[in-house]
Structures are given as structure tokens and as C-alpha cells.
Amino acid sequence: MTGWASWTTVNVFSGTGGVRTVELGVLTGNLSVHTTWYGTEADVAIQYSGGSDWYTMAGSPVPCHSEEESRALHQWAVEVVQAGGGAVLSLPAYRPRTG
């Protein structure tokens, strides 16, 4: 089954060392995290809160096979941005927490 869903969390303050993006390198400070799920994978993007440009979080896209799993992935992405340290989406570090 395929589907589509997206989530955005604003005002996510990155931990020391920020989050790594494909296009710009490391972003720090007050950020927004956006996840879009396309049925078999999810893309995670980062934006300076209030900005207009989105940047691909390093490690994105991630295999993701359900809307529930993609929501859990989004929450995990928010948490790793908050942790900082040049955060990236890395498998197998991500484990779906769907229940």
C-alpha cells in the first residue's frame, strides 16, 4: 500500500554542533524539521525557522513503509536535531517506535 503524509515541527533548537544538511553543511540554532512520507520512504528537510529555503537532512531519504512509522521517524529526527553533534539520519540508529 502506498500513501502520502507530512509533518512539520517549528522552533526546534539544535544541540551543540547542529544538524548536517546535504546542501549547506551544518545548520544551528532555531530550526524547523519537515518530514514527507511517500509510501516507501520519507524525506526529512531542515529550515531556519521563519526562513524560506529547505535543506535535505544528511541521510535522507530513509526507507519507511507506513504512515505510523513515518510519524515516528519525524519525532526521532526532531530529537536528533535537538541532540546536535552534526546530527544525521543514520540507519541502523533509527528504529521505528510505532506502538
PDB file of N, CA and C in Angstrom:
ATOM      1  N   MET A   1       0.833  -1.183   0.000  1.00  0.00           N
ATOM      2  CA  MET A   1       0.000   0.000   0.000  1.00  0.00           C
ATOM      3  C   MET A   1       0.876   1.243   0.000  1.00  0.00           C
ATOM      4  N   THR A   2       0.496   2.212  -0.785  1.00  0.00           N
ATOM      5  CA  THR A   2       1.245   3.464  -0.803  1.00  0.00           C
ATOM      6  C   THR A   2       0.374   4.562  -0.223  1.00  0.00           C
ATOM      7  N   GLY A   3       1.018   5.637   0.166  1.00  0.00           N
ATOM      8  CA  GLY A   3       0.306   6.768   0.736  1.00  0.00           C
ATOM      9  C   GLY A   3       1.182   7.989   0.716  1.00  0.00           C
ATOM     10  N   TRP A   4       0.694   8.988   1.401  1.00  0.00           N
ATOM     11  CA  TRP A   4       1.419  10.240   1.475  1.00  0.00           C
ATOM     12  C   TRP A   4       1.017  10.938   2.767  1.00  0.00           C
ATOM     13  N   ALA A   5       1.979  11.534   3.451  1.00  0.00           N
ATOM     14  CA  ALA A   5       1.715  12.314   4.665  1.00  0.00           C
ATOM     15  C   ALA A   5       2.913  13.214   4.912  1.00  0.00           C
ATOM     16  N   SER A   6       2.703  14.278   5.683  1.00  0.00           N
ATOM     17  CA  SER A   6       3.830  15.139   6.045  1.00  0.00           C
ATOM     18  C   SER A   6       3.601  15.752   7.414  1.00  0.00           C
ATOM     19  N   TRP A   7       4.713  16.091   8.059  1.00  0.00           N
ATOM     20  CA  TRP A   7       4.698  16.725   9.370  1.00  0.00           C
ATOM     21  C   TRP A   7       5.758  17.802   9.409  1.00  0.00           C
ATOM     22  N   THR A   8       5.480  18.870  10.155  1.00  0.00           N
ATOM     23  CA  THR A   8       6.451  19.938  10.364  1.00  0.00           C
ATOM     24  C   THR A   8       6.453  20.313  11.839  1.00  0.00           C
ATOM     25  N   THR A   9       7.644  20.409  12.413  1.00  0.00           N
ATOM     26  CA  THR A   9       7.809  20.889  13.781  1.00  0.00           C
ATOM     27  C   THR A   9       8.690  22.130  13.722  1.00  0.00           C
ATOM     28  N   VAL A  10       8.181  23.244  14.238  1.00  0.00           N
ATOM     29  CA  VAL A  10       8.922  24.507  14.221  1.00  0.00           C
ATOM     30  C   VAL A  10       9.542  24.769  15.592  1.00  0.00           C
ATOM     31  N   ASN A  11      10.482  25.709  15.608  1.00  0.00           N
ATOM     32  CA  ASN A  11      11.161  26.110  16.840  1.00  0.00           C
ATOM     33  C   ASN A  11      11.854  24.956  17.535  1.00  0.00           C
ATOM     34  N   VAL A  12      12.611  24.204  16.751  1.00  0.00           N
ATOM     35  CA  VAL A  12      13.439  23.127  17.275  1.00  0.00           C
ATOM     36  C   VAL A  12      14.840  23.706  17.440  1.00  0.00           C
ATOM     37  N   PHE A  13      15.304  23.806  18.655  1.00  0.00           N
ATOM     38  CA  PHE A  13      16.623  24.373  18.890  1.00  0.00           C
ATOM     39  C   PHE A  13      17.664  23.264  18.833  1.00  0.00           C
ATOM     40  N   SER A  14      18.602  23.412  17.914  1.00  0.00           N
ATOM     41  CA  SER A  14      19.613  22.371  17.727  1.00  0.00           C
ATOM     42  C   SER A  14      20.570  22.344  18.906  1.00  0.00           C
ATOM     43  N   GLY A  15      21.027  21.140  19.210  1.00  0.00           N
ATOM     44  CA  GLY A  15      22.066  21.000  20.211  1.00  0.00           C
ATOM     45  C   GLY A  15      23.394  21.480  19.652  1.00  0.00           C
ATOM     46  N   THR A  16      24.389  21.561  20.498  1.00  0.00           N
ATOM     47  CA  THR A  16      25.724  21.971  20.088  1.00  0.00           C
ATOM     48  C   THR A  16      26.193  21.107  18.925  1.00  0.00           C
ATOM     49  N   GLY A  17      26.653  21.739  17.877  1.00  0.00           N
ATOM     50  CA  GLY A  17      27.120  21.030  16.698  1.00  0.00           C
ATOM     51  C   GLY A  17      26.072  20.934  15.610  1.00  0.00           C
ATOM     52  N   GLY A  18      24.814  21.272  15.922  1.00  0.00           N
ATOM     53  CA  GLY A  18      23.766  21.392  14.927  1.00  0.00           C
ATOM     54  C   GLY A  18      23.404  20.117  14.192  1.00  0.00           C
ATOM     55  N   VAL A  19      22.876  20.315  12.984  1.00  0.00           N
ATOM     56  CA  VAL A  19      22.403  19.229  12.131  1.00  0.00           C
ATOM     57  C   VAL A  19      23.055  19.369  10.754  1.00  0.00           C
ATOM     58  N   ARG A  20      23.468  18.261  10.185  1.00  0.00           N
ATOM     59  CA  ARG A  20      24.149  18.284   8.894  1.00  0.00           C
ATOM     60  C   ARG A  20      23.125  18.199   7.762  1.00  0.00           C
ATOM     61  N   THR A  21      23.296  19.089   6.774  1.00  0.00           N
ATOM     62  CA  THR A  21      22.448  19.069   5.583  1.00  0.00           C
ATOM     63  C   THR A  21      23.300  18.770   4.357  1.00  0.00           C
ATOM     64  N   VAL A  22      22.634  18.295   3.315  1.00  0.00           N
ATOM     65  CA  VAL A  22      23.335  17.969   2.075  1.00  0.00           C
ATOM     66  C   VAL A  22      23.832  19.242   1.392  1.00  0.00           C
ATOM     67  N   GLU A  23      22.990  20.259   1.344  1.00  0.00           N
ATOM     68  CA  GLU A  23      23.283  21.452   0.547  1.00  0.00           C
ATOM     69  C   GLU A  23      24.189  22.472   1.240  1.00  0.00           C
ATOM     70  N   LEU A  24      24.038  22.662   2.543  1.00  0.00           N
ATOM     71  CA  LEU A  24      24.766  23.738   3.228  1.00  0.00           C
ATOM     72  C   LEU A  24      25.756  23.291   4.280  1.00  0.00           C
ATOM     73  N   GLY A  25      25.812  22.019   4.568  1.00  0.00           N
ATOM     74  CA  GLY A  25      26.628  21.585   5.693  1.00  0.00           C
ATOM     75  C   GLY A  25      25.816  21.707   6.974  1.00  0.00           C
ATOM     76  N   VAL A  26      26.430  22.187   8.036  1.00  0.00           N
ATOM     77  CA  VAL A  26      25.786  22.201   9.348  1.00  0.00           C
ATOM     78  C   VAL A  26      24.942  23.462   9.544  1.00  0.00           C
ATOM     79  N   LEU A  27      23.698  23.252  10.022  1.00  0.00           N
ATOM     80  CA  LEU A  27      22.824  24.349  10.441  1.00  0.00           C
ATOM     81  C   LEU A  27      22.681  24.287  11.952  1.00  0.00           C
ATOM     82  N   THR A  28      22.642  25.451  12.582  1.00  0.00           N
ATOM     83  CA  THR A  28      22.478  25.507  14.035  1.00  0.00           C
ATOM     84  C   THR A  28      21.419  26.541  14.384  1.00  0.00           C
ATOM     85  N   GLY A  29      20.960  26.482  15.613  1.00  0.00           N
ATOM     86  CA  GLY A  29      20.024  27.495  16.106  1.00  0.00           C
ATOM     87  C   GLY A  29      18.590  27.032  16.069  1.00  0.00           C
ATOM     88  N   ASN A  30      17.688  27.988  15.821  1.00  0.00           N
ATOM     89  CA  ASN A  30      16.246  27.760  15.805  1.00  0.00           C
ATOM     90  C   ASN A  30      15.849  27.241  14.422  1.00  0.00           C
ATOM     91  N   LEU A  31      15.446  25.982  14.358  1.00  0.00           N
ATOM     92  CA  LEU A  31      15.203  25.317  13.084  1.00  0.00           C
ATOM     93  C   LEU A  31      13.782  24.749  13.020  1.00  0.00           C
ATOM     94  N   SER A  32      13.347  24.459  11.817  1.00  0.00           N
ATOM     95  CA  SER A  32      12.114  23.707  11.578  1.00  0.00           C
ATOM     96  C   SER A  32      12.506  22.383  10.933  1.00  0.00           C
ATOM     97  N   VAL A  33      11.780  21.332  11.293  1.00  0.00           N
ATOM     98  CA  VAL A  33      12.025  19.996  10.754  1.00  0.00           C
ATOM     99  C   VAL A  33      10.762  19.564  10.020  1.00  0.00           C
ATOM    100  N   HIS A  34      10.917  19.126   8.777  1.00  0.00           N
ATOM    101  CA  HIS A  34       9.769  18.714   7.953  1.00  0.00           C
ATOM    102  C   HIS A  34      10.032  17.322   7.395  1.00  0.00           C
ATOM    103  N   THR A  35       9.059  16.432   7.576  1.00  0.00           N
ATOM    104  CA  THR A  35       9.154  15.069   7.061  1.00  0.00           C
ATOM    105  C   THR A  35       8.017  14.840   6.087  1.00  0.00           C
ATOM    106  N   THR A  36       8.332  14.302   4.918  1.00  0.00           N
ATOM    107  CA  THR A  36       7.324  13.924   3.926  1.00  0.00           C
ATOM    108  C   THR A  36       7.488  12.443   3.637  1.00  0.00           C
ATOM    109  N   TRP A  37       6.395  11.700   3.781  1.00  0.00           N
ATOM    110  CA  TRP A  37       6.391  10.265   3.526  1.00  0.00           C
ATOM    111  C   TRP A  37       5.688   9.987   2.204  1.00  0.00           C
ATOM    112  N   TYR A  38       6.312   9.148   1.372  1.00  0.00           N
ATOM    113  CA  TYR A  38       5.786   8.814   0.045  1.00  0.00           C
ATOM    114  C   TYR A  38       5.498   7.325  -0.105  1.00  0.00           C
ATOM    115  N   GLY A  39       5.030   6.656   0.918  1.00  0.00           N
ATOM    116  CA  GLY A  39       4.639   5.258   0.815  1.00  0.00           C
ATOM    117  C   GLY A  39       5.733   4.250   1.069  1.00  0.00           C
ATOM    118  N   THR A  40       6.931   4.479   0.556  1.00  0.00           N
ATOM    119  CA  THR A  40       8.027   3.537   0.780  1.00  0.00           C
ATOM    120  C   THR A  40       9.258   4.194   1.391  1.00  0.00           C
ATOM    121  N   GLU A  41       9.280   5.521   1.420  1.00  0.00           N
ATOM    122  CA  GLU A  41      10.402   6.237   2.024  1.00  0.00           C
ATOM    123  C   GLU A  41       9.934   7.593   2.524  1.00  0.00           C
ATOM    124  N   ALA A  42      10.771   8.182   3.375  1.00  0.00           N
ATOM    125  CA  ALA A  42      10.463   9.505   3.919  1.00  0.00           C
ATOM    126  C   ALA A  42      11.664  10.423   3.706  1.00  0.00           C
ATOM    127  N   ASP A  43      11.372  11.656   3.334  1.00  0.00           N
ATOM    128  CA  ASP A  43      12.383  12.701   3.187  1.00  0.00           C
ATOM    129  C   ASP A  43      12.290  13.626   4.394  1.00  0.00           C
ATOM    130  N   VAL A  44      13.452  13.998   4.934  1.00  0.00           N
ATOM    131  CA  VAL A  44      13.489  14.936   6.055  1.00  0.00           C
ATOM    132  C   VAL A  44      14.259  16.171   5.603  1.00  0.00           C
ATOM    133  N   ALA A  45      13.658  17.331   5.824  1.00  0.00           N
ATOM    134  CA  ALA A  45      14.267  18.599   5.439  1.00  0.00           C
ATOM    135  C   ALA A  45      14.346  19.516   6.655  1.00  0.00           C
ATOM    136  N   ILE A  46      15.322  20.405   6.626  1.00  0.00           N
ATOM    137  CA  ILE A  46      15.580  21.350   7.712  1.00  0.00           C
ATOM    138  C   ILE A  46      15.534  22.758   7.152  1.00  0.00           C
ATOM    139  N   GLN A  47      15.014  23.683   7.950  1.00  0.00           N
ATOM    140  CA  GLN A  47      14.909  25.087   7.554  1.00  0.00           C
ATOM    141  C   GLN A  47      15.205  25.944   8.778  1.00  0.00           C
ATOM    142  N   TYR A  48      15.847  27.091   8.550  1.00  0.00           N
ATOM    143  CA  TYR A  48      15.909  28.055   9.642  1.00  0.00           C
ATOM    144  C   TYR A  48      14.483  28.502   9.894  1.00  0.00           C
ATOM    145  N   SER A  49      14.018  28.442  11.149  1.00  0.00           N
ATOM    146  CA  SER A  49      12.636  28.828  11.446  1.00  0.00           C
ATOM    147  C   SER A  49      12.384  30.231  10.934  1.00  0.00           C
ATOM    148  N   GLY A  50      11.303  30.376  10.168  1.00  0.00           N
ATOM    149  CA  GLY A  50      10.964  31.654   9.558  1.00  0.00           C
ATOM    150  C   GLY A  50      11.597  31.873   8.211  1.00  0.00           C
ATOM    151  N   GLY A  51      12.477  30.971   7.794  1.00  0.00           N
ATOM    152  CA  GLY A  51      13.137  31.090   6.500  1.00  0.00           C
ATOM    153  C   GLY A  51      12.258  30.580   5.377  1.00  0.00           C
ATOM    154  N   SER A  52      12.782  30.646   4.167  1.00  0.00           N
ATOM    155  CA  SER A  52      12.004  30.174   3.021  1.00  0.00           C
ATOM    156  C   SER A  52      12.644  28.966   2.334  1.00  0.00           C
ATOM    157  N   ASP A  53      13.905  28.694   2.596  1.00  0.00           N
ATOM    158  CA  ASP A  53      14.598  27.602   1.925  1.00  0.00           C
ATOM    159  C   ASP A  53      14.683  26.373   2.831  1.00  0.00           C
ATOM    160  N   TRP A  54      14.436  25.209   2.237  1.00  0.00           N
ATOM    161  CA  TRP A  54      14.550  23.934   2.934  1.00  0.00           C
ATOM    162  C   TRP A  54      15.802  23.217   2.454  1.00  0.00           C
ATOM    163  N   TYR A  55      16.460  22.490   3.368  1.00  0.00           N
ATOM    164  CA  TYR A  55      17.678  21.771   3.064  1.00  0.00           C
ATOM    165  C   TYR A  55      17.516  20.309   3.485  1.00  0.00           C
ATOM    166  N   THR A  56      18.006  19.415   2.666  1.00  0.00           N
ATOM    167  CA  THR A  56      17.894  17.982   2.926  1.00  0.00           C
ATOM    168  C   THR A  56      18.776  17.590   4.101  1.00  0.00           C
ATOM    169  N   MET A  57      18.182  16.945   5.093  1.00  0.00           N
ATOM    170  CA  MET A  57      18.967  16.444   6.215  1.00  0.00           C
ATOM    171  C   MET A  57      19.831  15.296   5.720  1.00  0.00           C
ATOM    172  N   ALA A  58      21.115  15.310   6.070  1.00  0.00           N
ATOM    173  CA  ALA A  58      22.029  14.252   5.653  1.00  0.00           C
ATOM    174  C   ALA A  58      21.483  12.899   6.097  1.00  0.00           C
ATOM    175  N   GLY A  59      21.499  11.944   5.163  1.00  0.00           N
ATOM    176  CA  GLY A  59      20.971  10.614   5.422  1.00  0.00           C
ATOM    177  C   GLY A  59      19.577  10.407   4.868  1.00  0.00           C
ATOM    178  N   SER A  60      18.939  11.493   4.433  1.00  0.00           N
ATOM    179  CA  SER A  60      17.599  11.420   3.861  1.00  0.00           C
ATOM    180  C   SER A  60      17.715  11.137   2.372  1.00  0.00           C
ATOM    181  N   PRO A  61      16.818  10.368   1.790  1.00  0.00           N
ATOM    182  CA  PRO A  61      15.614   9.765   2.348  1.00  0.00           C
ATOM    183  C   PRO A  61      15.913   8.483   3.122  1.00  0.00           C
ATOM    184  N   VAL A  62      14.915   8.074   3.899  1.00  0.00           N
ATOM    185  CA  VAL A  62      15.009   6.886   4.743  1.00  0.00           C
ATOM    186  C   VAL A  62      13.903   5.921   4.340  1.00  0.00           C
ATOM    187  N   PRO A  63      14.200   4.617   4.213  1.00  0.00           N
ATOM    188  CA  PRO A  63      13.127   3.657   3.942  1.00  0.00           C
ATOM    189  C   PRO A  63      12.075   3.731   5.047  1.00  0.00           C
ATOM    190  N   CYS A  64      10.823   3.756   4.655  1.00  0.00           N
ATOM    191  CA  CYS A  64       9.741   3.939   5.618  1.00  0.00           C
ATOM    192  C   CYS A  64       8.459   3.414   4.971  1.00  0.00           C
ATOM    193  N   HIS A  65       7.822   2.427   5.586  1.00  0.00           N
ATOM    194  CA  HIS A  65       6.765   1.699   4.894  1.00  0.00           C
ATOM    195  C   HIS A  65       5.352   1.925   5.416  1.00  0.00           C
ATOM    196  N   SER A  66       5.179   2.826   6.386  1.00  0.00           N
ATOM    197  CA  SER A  66       3.818   3.116   6.845  1.00  0.00           C
ATOM    198  C   SER A  66       3.749   4.550   7.355  1.00  0.00           C
ATOM    199  N   GLU A  67       2.549   5.085   7.362  1.00  0.00           N
ATOM    200  CA  GLU A  67       2.359   6.438   7.885  1.00  0.00           C
ATOM    201  C   GLU A  67       2.743   6.499   9.358  1.00  0.00           C
ATOM    202  N   GLU A  68       2.380   5.478  10.114  1.00  0.00           N
ATOM    203  CA  GLU A  68       2.725   5.437  11.536  1.00  0.00           C
ATOM    204  C   GLU A  68       4.243   5.446  11.725  1.00  0.00           C
ATOM    205  N   GLU A  69       4.943   4.642  10.931  1.00  0.00           N
ATOM    206  CA  GLU A  69       6.399   4.600  11.008  1.00  0.00           C
ATOM    207  C   GLU A  69       7.008   5.948  10.630  1.00  0.00           C
ATOM    208  N   SER A  70       6.418   6.619   9.639  1.00  0.00           N
ATOM    209  CA  SER A  70       6.966   7.911   9.218  1.00  0.00           C
ATOM    210  C   SER A  70       6.759   8.977  10.284  1.00  0.00           C
ATOM    211  N   ARG A  71       5.668   8.888  11.020  1.00  0.00           N
ATOM    212  CA  ARG A  71       5.441   9.841  12.122  1.00  0.00           C
ATOM    213  C   ARG A  71       6.479   9.638  13.217  1.00  0.00           C
ATOM    214  N   ALA A  72       6.774   8.359  13.510  1.00  0.00           N
ATOM    215  CA  ALA A  72       7.810   8.055  14.491  1.00  0.00           C
ATOM    216  C   ALA A  72       9.176   8.535  14.005  1.00  0.00           C
ATOM    217  N   LEU A  73       9.446   8.375  12.708  1.00  0.00           N
ATOM    218  CA  LEU A  73      10.696   8.874  12.127  1.00  0.00           C
ATOM    219  C   LEU A  73      10.794  10.382  12.301  1.00  0.00           C
ATOM    220  N   HIS A  74       9.707  11.100  12.056  1.00  0.00           N
ATOM    221  CA  HIS A  74       9.730  12.550  12.212  1.00  0.00           C
ATOM    222  C   HIS A  74      10.102  12.928  13.647  1.00  0.00           C
ATOM    223  N   GLN A  75       9.475  12.278  14.615  1.00  0.00           N
ATOM    224  CA  GLN A  75       9.782  12.587  16.016  1.00  0.00           C
ATOM    225  C   GLN A  75      11.238  12.286  16.330  1.00  0.00           C
ATOM    226  N   TRP A  76      11.742  11.186  15.796  1.00  0.00           N
ATOM    227  CA  TRP A  76      13.151  10.837  16.003  1.00  0.00           C
ATOM    228  C   TRP A  76      14.055  11.888  15.383  1.00  0.00           C
ATOM    229  N   ALA A  77      13.716  12.376  14.190  1.00  0.00           N
ATOM    230  CA  ALA A  77      14.516  13.412  13.537  1.00  0.00           C
ATOM    231  C   ALA A  77      14.559  14.674  14.394  1.00  0.00           C
ATOM    232  N   VAL A  78      13.421  15.057  14.960  1.00  0.00           N
ATOM    233  CA  VAL A  78      13.379  16.222  15.858  1.00  0.00           C
ATOM    234  C   VAL A  78      14.333  16.000  17.029  1.00  0.00           C
ATOM    235  N   GLU A  79      14.298  14.821  17.601  1.00  0.00           N
ATOM    236  CA  GLU A  79      15.143  14.519  18.758  1.00  0.00           C
ATOM    237  C   GLU A  79      16.632  14.542  18.420  1.00  0.00           C
ATOM    238  N   VAL A  80      17.018  14.033  17.241  1.00  0.00           N
ATOM    239  CA  VAL A  80      18.440  14.063  16.900  1.00  0.00           C
ATOM    240  C   VAL A  80      18.899  15.480  16.570  1.00  0.00           C
ATOM    241  N   VAL A  81      18.021  16.313  16.013  1.00  0.00           N
ATOM    242  CA  VAL A  81      18.370  17.721  15.805  1.00  0.00           C
ATOM    243  C   VAL A  81      18.588  18.385  17.165  1.00  0.00           C
ATOM    244  N   GLN A  82      17.718  18.117  18.112  1.00  0.00           N
ATOM    245  CA  GLN A  82      17.874  18.688  19.453  1.00  0.00           C
ATOM    246  C   GLN A  82      19.155  18.209  20.129  1.00  0.00           C
ATOM    247  N   ALA A  83      19.575  16.987  19.813  1.00  0.00           N
ATOM    248  CA  ALA A  83      20.802  16.448  20.396  1.00  0.00           C
ATOM    249  C   ALA A  83      22.041  17.100  19.786  1.00  0.00           C
ATOM    250  N   GLY A  84      21.952  17.534  18.533  1.00  0.00           N
ATOM    251  CA  GLY A  84      23.078  18.202  17.866  1.00  0.00           C
ATOM    252  C   GLY A  84      24.180  17.236  17.482  1.00  0.00           C
ATOM    253  N   GLY A  85      25.406  17.721  17.587  1.00  0.00           N
ATOM    254  CA  GLY A  85      26.557  16.889  17.247  1.00  0.00           C
ATOM    255  C   GLY A  85      26.707  16.619  15.758  1.00  0.00           C
ATOM    256  N   GLY A  86      26.215  17.547  14.915  1.00  0.00           N
ATOM    257  CA  GLY A  86      26.262  17.317  13.470  1.00  0.00           C
ATOM    258  C   GLY A  86      25.303  16.212  13.073  1.00  0.00           C
ATOM    259  N   ALA A  87      24.119  16.240  13.669  1.00  0.00           N
ATOM    260  CA  ALA A  87      23.121  15.178  13.521  1.00  0.00           C
ATOM    261  C   ALA A  87      22.867  14.801  12.071  1.00  0.00           C
ATOM    262  N   VAL A  88      22.748  13.499  11.827  1.00  0.00           N
ATOM    263  CA  VAL A  88      22.381  12.942  10.526  1.00  0.00           C
ATOM    264  C   VAL A  88      21.364  11.833  10.768  1.00  0.00           C
ATOM    265  N   LEU A  89      20.613  11.513   9.720  1.00  0.00           N
ATOM    266  CA  LEU A  89      19.728  10.351   9.783  1.00  0.00           C
ATOM    267  C   LEU A  89      20.577   9.144   9.448  1.00  0.00           C
ATOM    268  N   SER A  90      20.782   8.268  10.403  1.00  0.00           N
ATOM    269  CA  SER A  90      21.643   7.121  10.151  1.00  0.00           C
ATOM    270  C   SER A  90      20.921   5.833  10.521  1.00  0.00           C
ATOM    271  N   LEU A  91      20.993   4.895   9.616  1.00  0.00           N
ATOM    272  CA  LEU A  91      20.484   3.558   9.882  1.00  0.00           C
ATOM    273  C   LEU A  91      21.702   2.699  10.190  1.00  0.00           C
ATOM    274  N   PRO A  92      21.698   1.830  11.154  1.00  0.00           N
ATOM    275  CA  PRO A  92      20.552   1.339  11.895  1.00  0.00           C
ATOM    276  C   PRO A  92      20.233   2.095  13.174  1.00  0.00           C
ATOM    277  N   ALA A  93      20.763   3.283  13.379  1.00  0.00           N
ATOM    278  CA  ALA A  93      20.463   4.037  14.592  1.00  0.00           C
ATOM    279  C   ALA A  93      18.960   4.277  14.753  1.00  0.00           C
ATOM    280  N   TYR A  94      18.273   4.484  13.638  1.00  0.00           N
ATOM    281  CA  TYR A  94      16.828   4.698  13.710  1.00  0.00           C
ATOM    282  C   TYR A  94      16.124   3.364  13.803  1.00  0.00           C
ATOM    283  N   ARG A  95      15.288   3.231  14.803  1.00  0.00           N
ATOM    284  CA  ARG A  95      14.423   2.069  14.963  1.00  0.00           C
ATOM    285  C   ARG A  95      13.003   2.595  15.104  1.00  0.00           C
ATOM    286  N   PRO A  96      12.087   2.169  14.247  1.00  0.00           N
ATOM    287  CA  PRO A  96      10.709   2.660  14.356  1.00  0.00           C
ATOM    288  C   PRO A  96      10.129   2.397  15.731  1.00  0.00           C
ATOM    289  N   ARG A  97       9.501   3.424  16.287  1.00  0.00           N
ATOM    290  CA  ARG A  97       8.801   3.298  17.567  1.00  0.00           C
ATOM    291  C   ARG A  97       7.352   3.561  17.295  1.00  0.00           C
ATOM    292  N   THR A  98       6.625   2.551  16.970  1.00  0.00           N
ATOM    293  CA  THR A  98       5.262   2.735  16.494  1.00  0.00           C
ATOM    294  C   THR A  98       4.228   2.072  17.393  1.00  0.00           C
ATOM    295  N   GLY A  99       4.440   2.042  18.665  1.00  0.00           N
ATOM    296  CA  GLY A  99       3.396   1.430  19.460  1.00  0.00           C
ATOM    297  C   GLY A  99       3.589   1.489  20.887  1.00  0.00           C
TER     298      GLY A  99
END
